[in-house]
């Protein structure tokens, strides 16, 4: 092909029909590989929030939740990535099984009109947390041999004991939203806000006294602020150190701080009355 281009350019120059064009390697233009820097991240243009519905999870959704945790949640969770924790460790397998079969699970399902199928794009899992669970996490951290697992257990225990929300609000337990995440292709398009609002409304209906979100990422913090939650505690990852005084977390930007947001339901106000029919 290069020889044909050279002969053609020489003939056109000889007869004066057209000016000589610069040589272009067509093959290199067609098959040139693009690098990561010159390929911007583009959100899915066909996404429509009106096609998203919130489904309450059950045992039939266990495999779906497990797939979402291993594919979308753990690879982007700062308290896992910042510790270089392997995704196939036994600790994450235990947590995945726990979130797949227990707690209140809310799934964000997107309806695809082209194939008439439903796809999971977001997940929210909430469980009750009691004061004695912090000591249990620390004992579990003493027993494990894996350093990343040990640091994450100490980190979770520290997030329970340091704010001291049990005594501050005089509650027996905290309704803790442990998992709040979406797939990367729909980040920042309202799916996380939809999930968190559904979880808060469900907690209000179930008469839970205090709702807590440990926002380990900046995206989760923005979602909590949009839903009207109050920030009561904050810590930078670099301030969490081990016994030798060394920092253990090295998260990616912009996830440099962990914040705790709450939604407190005053017991004196009680619950909201259901809508009465007009007749």
C-alpha atoms as a PDB file:
ATOM      1  CA  UNK A   1       0.000   0.000   0.000  1.00  0.00           C
ATOM      2  CA  UNK A   2       2.902   2.347   0.701  1.00  0.00           C
ATOM      3  CA  UNK A   3       4.351   1.664  -2.762  1.00  0.00           C
ATOM      4  CA  UNK A   4       1.013   2.515  -4.407  1.00  0.00           C
ATOM      5  CA  UNK A   5       0.802   5.777  -2.485  1.00  0.00           C
ATOM      6  CA  UNK A   6       4.350   6.703  -3.560  1.00  0.00           C
ATOM      7  CA  UNK A   7       3.689   5.950  -7.257  1.00  0.00           C
ATOM      8  CA  UNK A   8       0.419   7.884  -7.179  1.00  0.00           C
ATOM      9  CA  UNK A   9       2.024  10.927  -5.558  1.00  0.00           C
ATOM     10  CA  UNK A  10       4.888  10.870  -8.105  1.00  0.00           C
ATOM     11  CA  UNK A  11       2.433  10.710 -11.028  1.00  0.00           C
ATOM     12  CA  UNK A  12       0.346  13.584  -9.752  1.00  0.00           C
ATOM     13  CA  UNK A  13       3.467  15.692  -9.271  1.00  0.00           C
ATOM     14  CA  UNK A  14       4.696  14.870 -12.763  1.00  0.00           C
ATOM     15  CA  UNK A  15       1.491  15.888 -14.545  1.00  0.00           C
ATOM     16  CA  UNK A  16       0.701  18.784 -12.244  1.00  0.00           C
ATOM     17  CA  UNK A  17      -2.881  17.667 -11.577  1.00  0.00           C
ATOM     18  CA  UNK A  18      -2.803  18.079  -7.820  1.00  0.00           C
ATOM     19  CA  UNK A  19      -0.302  19.272  -5.260  1.00  0.00           C
ATOM     20  CA  UNK A  20       1.663  16.626  -3.475  1.00  0.00           C
ATOM     21  CA  UNK A  21      -0.036  15.532  -0.275  1.00  0.00           C
ATOM     22  CA  UNK A  22       2.000  14.535   2.776  1.00  0.00           C
ATOM     23  CA  UNK A  23       2.456  10.825   3.192  1.00  0.00           C
ATOM     24  CA  UNK A  24       0.049   9.276   5.707  1.00  0.00           C
ATOM     25  CA  UNK A  25       0.363   5.729   6.925  1.00  0.00           C
ATOM     26  CA  UNK A  26      -3.270   4.613   6.813  1.00  0.00           C
ATOM     27  CA  UNK A  27      -2.583   1.354   8.591  1.00  0.00           C
ATOM     28  CA  UNK A  28      -0.956   3.075  11.552  1.00  0.00           C
ATOM     29  CA  UNK A  29      -3.891   5.507  11.781  1.00  0.00           C
ATOM     30  CA  UNK A  30      -6.497   2.748  11.825  1.00  0.00           C
ATOM     31  CA  UNK A  31      -4.770   0.413  14.227  1.00  0.00           C
ATOM     32  CA  UNK A  32      -3.079   2.867  16.553  1.00  0.00           C
ATOM     33  CA  UNK A  33      -3.804   1.919  20.158  1.00  0.00           C
ATOM     34  CA  UNK A  34      -5.100   4.655  22.441  1.00  0.00           C
ATOM     35  CA  UNK A  35      -3.513   5.038  25.860  1.00  0.00           C
ATOM     36  CA  UNK A  36      -5.309   5.563  29.179  1.00  0.00           C
ATOM     37  CA  UNK A  37      -4.441   9.260  29.344  1.00  0.00           C
ATOM     38  CA  UNK A  38      -5.999  10.266  26.035  1.00  0.00           C
ATOM     39  CA  UNK A  39      -9.134   8.181  26.666  1.00  0.00           C
ATOM     40  CA  UNK A  40     -11.428  10.156  29.012  1.00  0.00           C
ATOM     41  CA  UNK A  41     -13.933   8.369  31.195  1.00  0.00           C
ATOM     42  CA  UNK A  42     -17.356   8.852  29.620  1.00  0.00           C
ATOM     43  CA  UNK A  43     -20.508   7.959  31.481  1.00  0.00           C
ATOM     44  CA  UNK A  44     -23.067   5.783  29.805  1.00  0.00           C
ATOM     45  CA  UNK A  45     -25.168   8.202  27.717  1.00  0.00           C
ATOM     46  CA  UNK A  46     -28.195   5.930  27.478  1.00  0.00           C
ATOM     47  CA  UNK A  47     -28.707   5.727  31.255  1.00  0.00           C
ATOM     48  CA  UNK A  48     -32.113   6.865  32.488  1.00  0.00           C
ATOM     49  CA  UNK A  49     -32.823   7.031  36.230  1.00  0.00           C
ATOM     50  CA  UNK A  50     -36.532   6.504  35.559  1.00  0.00           C
ATOM     51  CA  UNK A  51     -35.752   2.905  34.577  1.00  0.00           C
ATOM     52  CA  UNK A  52     -34.238   2.179  38.020  1.00  0.00           C
ATOM     53  CA  UNK A  53     -36.329   0.503  40.711  1.00  0.00           C
ATOM     54  CA  UNK A  54     -35.429  -0.398  44.301  1.00  0.00           C
ATOM     55  CA  UNK A  55     -35.973  -4.067  45.167  1.00  0.00           C
ATOM     56  CA  UNK A  56     -35.782  -5.546  48.645  1.00  0.00           C
ATOM     57  CA  UNK A  57     -33.337  -8.426  48.578  1.00  0.00           C
ATOM     58  CA  UNK A  58     -34.003 -11.982  49.725  1.00  0.00           C
ATOM     59  CA  UNK A  59     -32.237 -15.335  49.585  1.00  0.00           C
ATOM     60  CA  UNK A  60     -33.017 -15.565  45.876  1.00  0.00           C
ATOM     61  CA  UNK A  61     -30.755 -12.546  45.262  1.00  0.00           C
ATOM     62  CA  UNK A  62     -27.746 -14.033  47.109  1.00  0.00           C
ATOM     63  CA  UNK A  63     -25.788 -14.923  43.965  1.00  0.00           C
ATOM     64  CA  UNK A  64     -26.536 -11.537  42.448  1.00  0.00           C
ATOM     65  CA  UNK A  65     -25.304  -9.731  45.567  1.00  0.00           C
ATOM     66  CA  UNK A  66     -22.163 -11.883  45.680  1.00  0.00           C
ATOM     67  CA  UNK A  67     -21.387 -11.070  42.055  1.00  0.00           C
ATOM     68  CA  UNK A  68     -21.876  -7.337  42.626  1.00  0.00           C
ATOM     69  CA  UNK A  69     -19.676  -7.312  45.735  1.00  0.00           C
ATOM     70  CA  UNK A  70     -16.798  -9.112  44.021  1.00  0.00           C
ATOM     71  CA  UNK A  71     -17.080  -7.247  40.719  1.00  0.00           C
ATOM     72  CA  UNK A  72     -18.036  -3.674  41.597  1.00  0.00           C
ATOM     73  CA  UNK A  73     -17.815  -3.002  45.353  1.00  0.00           C
ATOM     74  CA  UNK A  74     -14.607  -4.488  46.775  1.00  0.00           C
ATOM     75  CA  UNK A  75     -12.352  -3.386  43.855  1.00  0.00           C
ATOM     76  CA  UNK A  76     -13.386   0.255  44.493  1.00  0.00           C
ATOM     77  CA  UNK A  77     -13.757   0.305  48.293  1.00  0.00           C
ATOM     78  CA  UNK A  78     -11.027   2.638  49.714  1.00  0.00           C
ATOM     79  CA  UNK A  79     -10.586   0.801  53.029  1.00  0.00           C
ATOM     80  CA  UNK A  80      -9.762  -2.357  51.025  1.00  0.00           C
ATOM     81  CA  UNK A  81      -7.704  -0.860  48.206  1.00  0.00           C
ATOM     82  CA  UNK A  82      -5.806   1.420  50.605  1.00  0.00           C
ATOM     83  CA  UNK A  83      -4.532  -1.643  52.488  1.00  0.00           C
ATOM     84  CA  UNK A  84      -3.628  -3.604  49.322  1.00  0.00           C
ATOM     85  CA  UNK A  85      -5.932  -6.316  50.557  1.00  0.00           C
ATOM     86  CA  UNK A  86      -6.292  -9.206  48.064  1.00  0.00           C
ATOM     87  CA  UNK A  87      -9.809  -9.712  46.800  1.00  0.00           C
ATOM     88  CA  UNK A  88      -9.626 -13.477  47.319  1.00  0.00           C
ATOM     89  CA  UNK A  89      -8.804 -13.361  51.044  1.00  0.00           C
ATOM     90  CA  UNK A  90     -10.948 -15.253  53.517  1.00  0.00           C
ATOM     91  CA  UNK A  91     -12.037 -12.096  55.350  1.00  0.00           C
ATOM     92  CA  UNK A  92     -13.679 -10.563  52.280  1.00  0.00           C
ATOM     93  CA  UNK A  93     -15.234 -13.909  51.414  1.00  0.00           C
ATOM     94  CA  UNK A  94     -16.798 -14.010  54.883  1.00  0.00           C
ATOM     95  CA  UNK A  95     -18.114 -10.446  54.564  1.00  0.00           C
ATOM     96  CA  UNK A  96     -19.504 -11.163  51.096  1.00  0.00           C
ATOM     97  CA  UNK A  97     -21.377 -14.193  52.412  1.00  0.00           C
ATOM     98  CA  UNK A  98     -22.660 -12.138  55.340  1.00  0.00           C
ATOM     99  CA  UNK A  99     -23.981  -9.324  53.154  1.00  0.00           C
ATOM    100  CA  UNK A 100     -25.472 -11.792  50.667  1.00  0.00           C
ATOM    101  CA  UNK A 101     -27.583 -13.687  53.212  1.00  0.00           C
ATOM    102  CA  UNK A 102     -28.266 -11.333  56.141  1.00  0.00           C
ATOM    103  CA  UNK A 103     -29.329  -7.807  56.899  1.00  0.00           C
ATOM    104  CA  UNK A 104     -31.670  -5.530  55.024  1.00  0.00           C
ATOM    105  CA  UNK A 105     -30.571  -5.577  51.388  1.00  0.00           C
ATOM    106  CA  UNK A 106     -31.785  -3.016  48.879  1.00  0.00           C
ATOM    107  CA  UNK A 107     -30.919  -3.577  45.235  1.00  0.00           C
ATOM    108  CA  UNK A 108     -31.029  -0.925  42.512  1.00  0.00           C
ATOM    109  CA  UNK A 109     -32.246  -2.724  39.393  1.00  0.00           C
ATOM    110  CA  UNK A 110     -32.117  -1.094  35.968  1.00  0.00           C
ATOM    111  CA  UNK A 111     -34.634  -2.143  33.351  1.00  0.00           C
ATOM    112  CA  UNK A 112     -33.100  -2.475  29.889  1.00  0.00           C
ATOM    113  CA  UNK A 113     -35.834  -1.816  27.283  1.00  0.00           C
ATOM    114  CA  UNK A 114     -33.774  -3.290  24.449  1.00  0.00           C
ATOM    115  CA  UNK A 115     -33.447  -6.754  25.999  1.00  0.00           C
ATOM    116  CA  UNK A 116     -36.302  -6.465  28.543  1.00  0.00           C
ATOM    117  CA  UNK A 117     -33.981  -7.591  31.314  1.00  0.00           C
ATOM    118  CA  UNK A 118     -33.090  -6.196  34.734  1.00  0.00           C
ATOM    119  CA  UNK A 119     -29.513  -5.545  35.765  1.00  0.00           C
ATOM    120  CA  UNK A 120     -28.151  -4.756  39.229  1.00  0.00           C
ATOM    121  CA  UNK A 121     -26.317  -1.419  39.304  1.00  0.00           C
ATOM    122  CA  UNK A 122     -26.352  -0.564  43.014  1.00  0.00           C
ATOM    123  CA  UNK A 123     -26.466  -2.180  46.444  1.00  0.00           C
ATOM    124  CA  UNK A 124     -27.219  -1.079  49.999  1.00  0.00           C
ATOM    125  CA  UNK A 125     -26.918  -3.405  53.006  1.00  0.00           C
ATOM    126  CA  UNK A 126     -27.780  -2.406  56.579  1.00  0.00           C
ATOM    127  CA  UNK A 127     -27.417  -4.308  59.856  1.00  0.00           C
ATOM    128  CA  UNK A 128     -27.831  -3.636  63.541  1.00  0.00           C
ATOM    129  CA  UNK A 129     -24.616  -2.780  65.391  1.00  0.00           C
ATOM    130  CA  UNK A 130     -24.336  -3.200  69.184  1.00  0.00           C
ATOM    131  CA  UNK A 131     -21.705  -1.783  71.572  1.00  0.00           C
ATOM    132  CA  UNK A 132     -20.113  -5.169  72.267  1.00  0.00           C
ATOM    133  CA  UNK A 133     -19.264  -5.680  68.576  1.00  0.00           C
ATOM    134  CA  UNK A 134     -16.266  -3.342  68.772  1.00  0.00           C
ATOM    135  CA  UNK A 135     -14.524  -5.586  71.347  1.00  0.00           C
ATOM    136  CA  UNK A 136     -15.366  -8.611  69.206  1.00  0.00           C
ATOM    137  CA  UNK A 137     -13.683  -7.020  66.176  1.00  0.00           C
ATOM    138  CA  UNK A 138     -10.560  -6.247  68.193  1.00  0.00           C
ATOM    139  CA  UNK A 139     -10.357  -9.838  69.460  1.00  0.00           C
ATOM    140  CA  UNK A 140     -10.784 -11.084  65.921  1.00  0.00           C
ATOM    141  CA  UNK A 141      -7.997  -8.739  64.828  1.00  0.00           C
ATOM    142  CA  UNK A 142      -5.669 -10.134  67.502  1.00  0.00           C
ATOM    143  CA  UNK A 143      -6.282 -13.681  66.290  1.00  0.00           C
ATOM    144  CA  UNK A 144      -5.807 -13.201  62.551  1.00  0.00           C
ATOM    145  CA  UNK A 145      -2.383 -13.496  60.941  1.00  0.00           C
ATOM    146  CA  UNK A 146      -3.058 -11.338  57.884  1.00  0.00           C
ATOM    147  CA  UNK A 147      -1.877  -7.775  58.456  1.00  0.00           C
ATOM    148  CA  UNK A 148      -4.359  -6.078  56.066  1.00  0.00           C
ATOM    149  CA  UNK A 149      -7.272  -7.946  57.662  1.00  0.00           C
ATOM    150  CA  UNK A 150      -5.975  -7.008  61.119  1.00  0.00           C
ATOM    151  CA  UNK A 151      -5.777  -3.309  60.245  1.00  0.00           C
ATOM    152  CA  UNK A 152      -9.263  -3.234  58.736  1.00  0.00           C
ATOM    153  CA  UNK A 153     -10.797  -4.908  61.806  1.00  0.00           C
ATOM    154  CA  UNK A 154      -9.084  -2.392  64.074  1.00  0.00           C
ATOM    155  CA  UNK A 155     -10.303   0.378  61.781  1.00  0.00           C
ATOM    156  CA  UNK A 156     -13.934  -0.789  61.958  1.00  0.00           C
ATOM    157  CA  UNK A 157     -13.709  -1.086  65.758  1.00  0.00           C
ATOM    158  CA  UNK A 158     -12.227   2.413  65.976  1.00  0.00           C
ATOM    159  CA  UNK A 159     -15.104   3.845  63.925  1.00  0.00           C
ATOM    160  CA  UNK A 160     -17.536   2.377  66.477  1.00  0.00           C
ATOM    161  CA  UNK A 161     -15.790   3.416  69.699  1.00  0.00           C
ATOM    162  CA  UNK A 162     -14.316   6.811  68.839  1.00  0.00           C
ATOM    163  CA  UNK A 163     -17.585   8.716  68.036  1.00  0.00           C
ATOM    164  CA  UNK A 164     -19.264   7.146  71.112  1.00  0.00           C
ATOM    165  CA  UNK A 165     -22.711   7.456  69.564  1.00  0.00           C
ATOM    166  CA  UNK A 166     -24.288   4.839  71.858  1.00  0.00           C
ATOM    167  CA  UNK A 167     -23.866   7.026  74.929  1.00  0.00           C
ATOM    168  CA  UNK A 168     -24.328  10.326  73.133  1.00  0.00           C
ATOM    169  CA  UNK A 169     -27.779   9.430  71.826  1.00  0.00           C
ATOM    170  CA  UNK A 170     -28.639   6.834  74.496  1.00  0.00           C
ATOM    171  CA  UNK A 171     -29.510   4.053  72.046  1.00  0.00           C
ATOM    172  CA  UNK A 172     -29.183   0.313  72.456  1.00  0.00           C
ATOM    173  CA  UNK A 173     -28.100  -0.279  68.871  1.00  0.00           C
ATOM    174  CA  UNK A 174     -27.289   1.603  65.682  1.00  0.00           C
ATOM    175  CA  UNK A 175     -28.789   0.864  62.316  1.00  0.00           C
ATOM    176  CA  UNK A 176     -25.526   0.813  60.372  1.00  0.00           C
ATOM    177  CA  UNK A 177     -25.544   1.023  56.560  1.00  0.00           C
ATOM    178  CA  UNK A 178     -22.421  -1.028  55.944  1.00  0.00           C
ATOM    179  CA  UNK A 179     -22.563  -1.242  52.147  1.00  0.00           C
ATOM    180  CA  UNK A 180     -23.512   1.627  49.854  1.00  0.00           C
ATOM    181  CA  UNK A 181     -22.135   1.404  46.344  1.00  0.00           C
ATOM    182  CA  UNK A 182     -22.952   1.564  42.658  1.00  0.00           C
ATOM    183  CA  UNK A 183     -21.303   0.312  39.508  1.00  0.00           C
ATOM    184  CA  UNK A 184     -18.665   2.555  37.931  1.00  0.00           C
ATOM    185  CA  UNK A 185     -20.684   3.285  34.790  1.00  0.00           C
ATOM    186  CA  UNK A 186     -23.513   4.987  36.710  1.00  0.00           C
ATOM    187  CA  UNK A 187     -21.466   6.797  39.368  1.00  0.00           C
ATOM    188  CA  UNK A 188     -22.750  10.283  40.071  1.00  0.00           C
ATOM    189  CA  UNK A 189     -26.087   9.828  38.289  1.00  0.00           C
ATOM    190  CA  UNK A 190     -28.374   9.565  41.334  1.00  0.00           C
ATOM    191  CA  UNK A 191     -28.438   5.814  41.969  1.00  0.00           C
ATOM    192  CA  UNK A 192     -26.629   6.028  45.319  1.00  0.00           C
ATOM    193  CA  UNK A 193     -28.908   8.840  46.497  1.00  0.00           C
ATOM    194  CA  UNK A 194     -31.949   6.785  45.533  1.00  0.00           C
ATOM    195  CA  UNK A 195     -30.651   3.809  47.521  1.00  0.00           C
ATOM    196  CA  UNK A 196     -29.813   5.813  50.625  1.00  0.00           C
ATOM    197  CA  UNK A 197     -33.176   7.590  50.673  1.00  0.00           C
ATOM    198  CA  UNK A 198     -34.932   4.229  50.446  1.00  0.00           C
ATOM    199  CA  UNK A 199     -32.816   2.881  53.327  1.00  0.00           C
ATOM    200  CA  UNK A 200     -33.555   5.925  55.527  1.00  0.00           C
ATOM    201  CA  UNK A 201     -37.284   5.685  54.820  1.00  0.00           C
ATOM    202  CA  UNK A 202     -37.224   1.982  55.651  1.00  0.00           C
ATOM    203  CA  UNK A 203     -35.380   2.673  58.916  1.00  0.00           C
ATOM    204  CA  UNK A 204     -37.978   5.290  59.816  1.00  0.00           C
ATOM    205  CA  UNK A 205     -40.811   2.869  59.127  1.00  0.00           C
ATOM    206  CA  UNK A 206     -39.134   0.148  61.210  1.00  0.00           C
ATOM    207  CA  UNK A 207     -38.649   2.603  64.134  1.00  0.00           C
ATOM    208  CA  UNK A 208     -34.860   2.358  64.223  1.00  0.00           C
ATOM    209  CA  UNK A 209     -33.582   5.128  66.536  1.00  0.00           C
ATOM    210  CA  UNK A 210     -30.308   6.025  64.800  1.00  0.00           C
ATOM    211  CA  UNK A 211     -29.072   5.478  61.232  1.00  0.00           C
ATOM    212  CA  UNK A 212     -25.338   5.583  60.609  1.00  0.00           C
ATOM    213  CA  UNK A 213     -23.213   5.627  57.454  1.00  0.00           C
ATOM    214  CA  UNK A 214     -19.429   5.255  57.703  1.00  0.00           C
ATOM    215  CA  UNK A 215     -18.517   7.093  54.502  1.00  0.00           C
ATOM    216  CA  UNK A 216     -15.115   5.711  53.558  1.00  0.00           C
ATOM    217  CA  UNK A 217     -15.138   7.486  50.187  1.00  0.00           C
ATOM    218  CA  UNK A 218     -15.795  11.037  49.070  1.00  0.00           C
ATOM    219  CA  UNK A 219     -18.661   9.808  46.855  1.00  0.00           C
ATOM    220  CA  UNK A 220     -20.478   8.332  49.856  1.00  0.00           C
ATOM    221  CA  UNK A 221     -20.002  11.603  51.766  1.00  0.00           C
ATOM    222  CA  UNK A 222     -21.668  13.582  48.970  1.00  0.00           C
ATOM    223  CA  UNK A 223     -24.584  11.141  48.916  1.00  0.00           C
ATOM    224  CA  UNK A 224     -25.087  11.475  52.682  1.00  0.00           C
ATOM    225  CA  UNK A 225     -25.081  15.273  52.446  1.00  0.00           C
ATOM    226  CA  UNK A 226     -27.666  15.179  49.664  1.00  0.00           C
ATOM    227  CA  UNK A 227     -29.931  13.044  51.840  1.00  0.00           C
ATOM    228  CA  UNK A 228     -29.779  15.500  54.745  1.00  0.00           C
ATOM    229  CA  UNK A 229     -27.632  13.454  57.123  1.00  0.00           C
ATOM    230  CA  UNK A 230     -25.464  15.097  59.778  1.00  0.00           C
ATOM    231  CA  UNK A 231     -21.692  14.625  59.979  1.00  0.00           C
ATOM    232  CA  UNK A 232     -20.669  13.855  63.565  1.00  0.00           C
ATOM    233  CA  UNK A 233     -17.136  12.492  63.194  1.00  0.00           C
ATOM    234  CA  UNK A 234     -14.249  12.689  60.755  1.00  0.00           C
ATOM    235  CA  UNK A 235     -10.730  11.290  60.464  1.00  0.00           C
ATOM    236  CA  UNK A 236      -8.034  11.358  57.823  1.00  0.00           C
ATOM    237  CA  UNK A 237      -6.676   8.022  56.706  1.00  0.00           C
ATOM    238  CA  UNK A 238      -3.104   9.121  57.365  1.00  0.00           C
ATOM    239  CA  UNK A 239      -3.947   9.656  61.055  1.00  0.00           C
ATOM    240  CA  UNK A 240      -4.812   5.984  61.550  1.00  0.00           C
ATOM    241  CA  UNK A 241      -1.477   4.452  62.580  1.00  0.00           C
ATOM    242  CA  UNK A 242      -0.252   1.112  63.887  1.00  0.00           C
ATOM    243  CA  UNK A 243       1.686   0.347  67.086  1.00  0.00           C
ATOM    244  CA  UNK A 244       4.925   1.586  65.516  1.00  0.00           C
ATOM    245  CA  UNK A 245       3.408   4.944  64.614  1.00  0.00           C
ATOM    246  CA  UNK A 246       3.288   4.263  60.873  1.00  0.00           C
ATOM    247  CA  UNK A 247       0.312   4.996  58.628  1.00  0.00           C
ATOM    248  CA  UNK A 248      -1.345   1.878  57.286  1.00  0.00           C
ATOM    249  CA  UNK A 249      -3.816   3.320  54.743  1.00  0.00           C
ATOM    250  CA  UNK A 250      -2.745   4.506  51.306  1.00  0.00           C
ATOM    251  CA  UNK A 251      -6.038   5.211  49.519  1.00  0.00           C
ATOM    252  CA  UNK A 252      -6.407   6.670  46.058  1.00  0.00           C
ATOM    253  CA  UNK A 253      -7.388  10.280  45.487  1.00  0.00           C
ATOM    254  CA  UNK A 254      -9.803  11.878  46.304  1.00  0.00           C
ATOM    255  CA  UNK A 255     -10.610   9.435  49.140  1.00  0.00           C
ATOM    256  CA  UNK A 256      -8.415  10.819  51.923  1.00  0.00           C
ATOM    257  CA  UNK A 257     -10.867  11.043  54.825  1.00  0.00           C
ATOM    258  CA  UNK A 258     -13.503   8.871  56.474  1.00  0.00           C
ATOM    259  CA  UNK A 259     -16.651  10.557  57.799  1.00  0.00           C
ATOM    260  CA  UNK A 260     -19.569   9.311  59.865  1.00  0.00           C
ATOM    261  CA  UNK A 261     -23.026  10.636  59.043  1.00  0.00           C
ATOM    262  CA  UNK A 262     -26.145   9.972  61.101  1.00  0.00           C
ATOM    263  CA  UNK A 263     -29.888  10.400  60.918  1.00  0.00           C
ATOM    264  CA  UNK A 264     -31.475  10.549  64.352  1.00  0.00           C
ATOM    265  CA  UNK A 265     -35.187   9.942  64.766  1.00  0.00           C
ATOM    266  CA  UNK A 266     -36.518  11.643  67.878  1.00  0.00           C
ATOM    267  CA  UNK A 267     -38.533   9.109  69.915  1.00  0.00           C
ATOM    268  CA  UNK A 268     -40.983  11.795  71.093  1.00  0.00           C
ATOM    269  CA  UNK A 269     -42.056  12.580  67.537  1.00  0.00           C
ATOM    270  CA  UNK A 270     -42.964   8.982  66.773  1.00  0.00           C
ATOM    271  CA  UNK A 271     -43.546   7.597  63.313  1.00  0.00           C
ATOM    272  CA  UNK A 272     -45.389   9.101  60.378  1.00  0.00           C
ATOM    273  CA  UNK A 273     -49.024   8.205  59.923  1.00  0.00           C
ATOM    274  CA  UNK A 274     -49.945   6.447  56.679  1.00  0.00           C
ATOM    275  CA  UNK A 275     -51.950   8.267  54.057  1.00  0.00           C
ATOM    276  CA  UNK A 276     -55.697   8.026  54.688  1.00  0.00           C
ATOM    277  CA  UNK A 277     -58.104   7.409  51.821  1.00  0.00           C
ATOM    278  CA  UNK A 278     -60.304  10.382  50.786  1.00  0.00           C
ATOM    279  CA  UNK A 279     -63.566   8.585  51.655  1.00  0.00           C
END
